[in-house]
C-alpha atoms as a PDB file:
ATOM      1  CA  ASN A   1     -56.009 -46.625 -25.866  1.00  0.00           C
ATOM      2  CA  LEU A   2     -54.018 -47.532 -28.955  1.00  0.00           C
ATOM      3  CA  PRO A   3     -50.689 -49.299 -28.463  1.00  0.00           C
ATOM      4  CA  PRO A   4     -47.467 -47.258 -28.804  1.00  0.00           C
ATOM      5  CA  ASP A   5     -46.609 -48.985 -32.095  1.00  0.00           C
ATOM      6  CA  ALA A   6     -49.992 -48.240 -33.723  1.00  0.00           C
ATOM      7  CA  ASP A   7     -49.814 -46.443 -37.067  1.00  0.00           C
ATOM      8  CA  LYS A   8     -52.136 -45.524 -39.948  1.00  0.00           C
ATOM      9  CA  LEU A   9     -51.987 -49.042 -41.381  1.00  0.00           C
ATOM     10  CA  PHE A  10     -52.985 -50.499 -38.001  1.00  0.00           C
ATOM     11  CA  LEU A  11     -56.104 -48.308 -37.896  1.00  0.00           C
ATOM     12  CA  TYR A  12     -56.914 -48.892 -41.555  1.00  0.00           C
ATOM     13  CA  GLU A  13     -56.782 -52.664 -41.088  1.00  0.00           C
ATOM     14  CA  LYS A  14     -58.980 -52.495 -37.963  1.00  0.00           C
ATOM     15  CA  PHE A  15     -61.618 -50.178 -39.431  1.00  0.00           C
ATOM     16  CA  SER A  16     -61.755 -50.892 -43.189  1.00  0.00           C
ATOM     17  CA  PRO A  17     -64.082 -53.913 -42.827  1.00  0.00           C
ATOM     18  CA  PHE A  18     -66.848 -51.475 -41.830  1.00  0.00           C
ATOM     19  CA  GLY A  19     -66.825 -49.270 -44.925  1.00  0.00           C
ATOM     20  CA  ALA A  20     -64.918 -46.902 -47.172  1.00  0.00           C
ATOM     21  CA  ILE A  21     -62.367 -44.792 -45.306  1.00  0.00           C
ATOM     22  CA  LEU A  22     -61.553 -41.245 -46.401  1.00  0.00           C
ATOM     23  CA  SER A  23     -58.651 -40.637 -44.015  1.00  0.00           C
ATOM     24  CA  VAL A  24     -56.793 -42.051 -41.026  1.00  0.00           C
ATOM     25  CA  LYS A  25     -54.727 -40.111 -38.497  1.00  0.00           C
ATOM     26  CA  VAL A  26     -52.637 -41.295 -35.549  1.00  0.00           C
ATOM     27  CA  LEU A  27     -51.405 -38.784 -32.979  1.00  0.00           C
ATOM     28  CA  THR A  28     -47.726 -39.347 -32.295  1.00  0.00           C
ATOM     29  CA  ASP A  29     -45.213 -38.042 -29.807  1.00  0.00           C
ATOM     30  CA  PRO A  30     -42.941 -35.610 -31.685  1.00  0.00           C
ATOM     31  CA  GLN A  31     -39.804 -36.831 -29.908  1.00  0.00           C
ATOM     32  CA  SER A  32     -40.281 -40.603 -29.904  1.00  0.00           C
ATOM     33  CA  GLY A  33     -42.564 -40.915 -32.929  1.00  0.00           C
ATOM     34  CA  GLN A  34     -44.677 -43.410 -30.993  1.00  0.00           C
ATOM     35  CA  CYS A  35     -48.456 -43.361 -30.958  1.00  0.00           C
ATOM     36  CA  ARG A  36     -49.908 -41.290 -28.115  1.00  0.00           C
ATOM     37  CA  GLY A  37     -52.848 -43.706 -27.848  1.00  0.00           C
ATOM     38  CA  VAL A  38     -55.230 -41.656 -29.984  1.00  0.00           C
ATOM     39  CA  GLY A  39     -56.290 -42.003 -33.599  1.00  0.00           C
ATOM     40  CA  PHE A  40     -59.020 -40.805 -35.934  1.00  0.00           C
ATOM     41  CA  VAL A  41     -60.771 -42.590 -38.805  1.00  0.00           C
ATOM     42  CA  ASN A  42     -62.920 -40.598 -41.223  1.00  0.00           C
ATOM     43  CA  PHE A  43     -65.476 -42.792 -42.999  1.00  0.00           C
ATOM     44  CA  ALA A  44     -67.229 -41.935 -46.255  1.00  0.00           C
ATOM     45  CA  GLU A  45     -70.584 -42.816 -44.669  1.00  0.00           C
ATOM     46  CA  HIS A  46     -71.949 -42.225 -41.167  1.00  0.00           C
ATOM     47  CA  ALA A  47     -73.401 -45.757 -41.065  1.00  0.00           C
ATOM     48  CA  SER A  48     -69.896 -47.197 -41.449  1.00  0.00           C
ATOM     49  CA  ALA A  49     -68.723 -45.242 -38.421  1.00  0.00           C
ATOM     50  CA  VAL A  50     -71.678 -46.493 -36.380  1.00  0.00           C
ATOM     51  CA  ARG A  51     -70.960 -50.109 -37.371  1.00  0.00           C
ATOM     52  CA  SER A  52     -67.309 -49.726 -36.368  1.00  0.00           C
ATOM     53  CA  ILE A  53     -68.317 -48.360 -32.954  1.00  0.00           C
ATOM     54  CA  GLN A  54     -70.743 -51.227 -32.374  1.00  0.00           C
ATOM     55  CA  ALA A  55     -68.127 -53.810 -33.326  1.00  0.00           C
ATOM     56  CA  LEU A  56     -64.899 -52.362 -31.904  1.00  0.00           C
ATOM     57  CA  HIS A  57     -65.740 -50.273 -28.823  1.00  0.00           C
ATOM     58  CA  GLY A  58     -64.432 -52.105 -25.779  1.00  0.00           C
ATOM     59  CA  THR A  59     -62.463 -54.709 -27.725  1.00  0.00           C
ATOM     60  CA  LYS A  60     -59.008 -55.549 -26.421  1.00  0.00           C
ATOM     61  CA  VAL A  61     -55.846 -54.387 -28.149  1.00  0.00           C
ATOM     62  CA  GLY A  62     -53.016 -55.846 -26.156  1.00  0.00           C
ATOM     63  CA  ASP A  63     -53.943 -55.357 -22.510  1.00  0.00           C
ATOM     64  CA  LYS A  64     -56.177 -52.301 -23.036  1.00  0.00           C
ATOM     65  CA  SER A  65     -59.753 -51.855 -24.216  1.00  0.00           C
ATOM     66  CA  MET A  66     -60.288 -49.609 -27.224  1.00  0.00           C
ATOM     67  CA  HIS A  67     -62.530 -46.587 -26.804  1.00  0.00           C
ATOM     68  CA  VAL A  68     -64.292 -45.996 -30.134  1.00  0.00           C
ATOM     69  CA  SER A  69     -66.751 -43.121 -30.502  1.00  0.00           C
ATOM     70  CA  LEU A  70     -67.894 -40.400 -32.852  1.00  0.00           C
ATOM     71  CA  GLN A  71     -65.798 -37.272 -32.633  1.00  0.00           C
ATOM     72  CA  THR A  72     -67.690 -34.324 -31.227  1.00  0.00           C
ATOM     73  CA  PRO A  73     -66.934 -31.180 -33.225  1.00  0.00           C
ATOM     74  CA  ARG A  74     -65.171 -28.551 -31.166  1.00  0.00           C
ATOM     75  CA  ILE A  75     -66.469 -25.006 -31.179  1.00  0.00           C
ATOM     76  CA  ARG A  76     -63.690 -22.449 -31.267  1.00  0.00           C
ATOM     77  CA  ALA A  77     -64.001 -19.610 -28.786  1.00  0.00           C
ATOM     78  CA  SER A  78     -63.894 -17.113 -31.662  1.00  0.00           C
ATOM     79  CA  ALA A  79     -66.966 -18.776 -33.184  1.00  0.00           C
ATOM     80  CA  LEU A  80     -68.965 -17.949 -30.056  1.00  0.00           C
ATOM     81  CA  HIS A  81     -68.626 -14.207 -30.567  1.00  0.00           C
ATOM     82  CA  THR A  82     -70.891 -12.478 -33.010  1.00  0.00           C
ATOM     83  CA  ALA A  83     -69.964  -9.444 -35.028  1.00  0.00           C
ATOM     84  CA  PRO A  84     -71.532  -6.148 -33.967  1.00  0.00           C
ATOM     85  CA  MET A  85     -74.481  -5.005 -36.029  1.00  0.00           C
END
């Protein structure tokens, strides 16, 4: 639920008080360049991510509440198949 004008700096400023950040990514619409409402922050330490969730989840940004959570790793379909023995 990020605003359309959100960028990497926006996320960095929101999340940096909780710990060292390794990377920030904002998903943008390829045609308009505007934020699609989704971003990712990669912290150096798990505890920093947990603190950011506790502090920011549900907070208002404009007229919307932010949804902040840990990213669940996706399992690729090819990873589900084992090689024959």
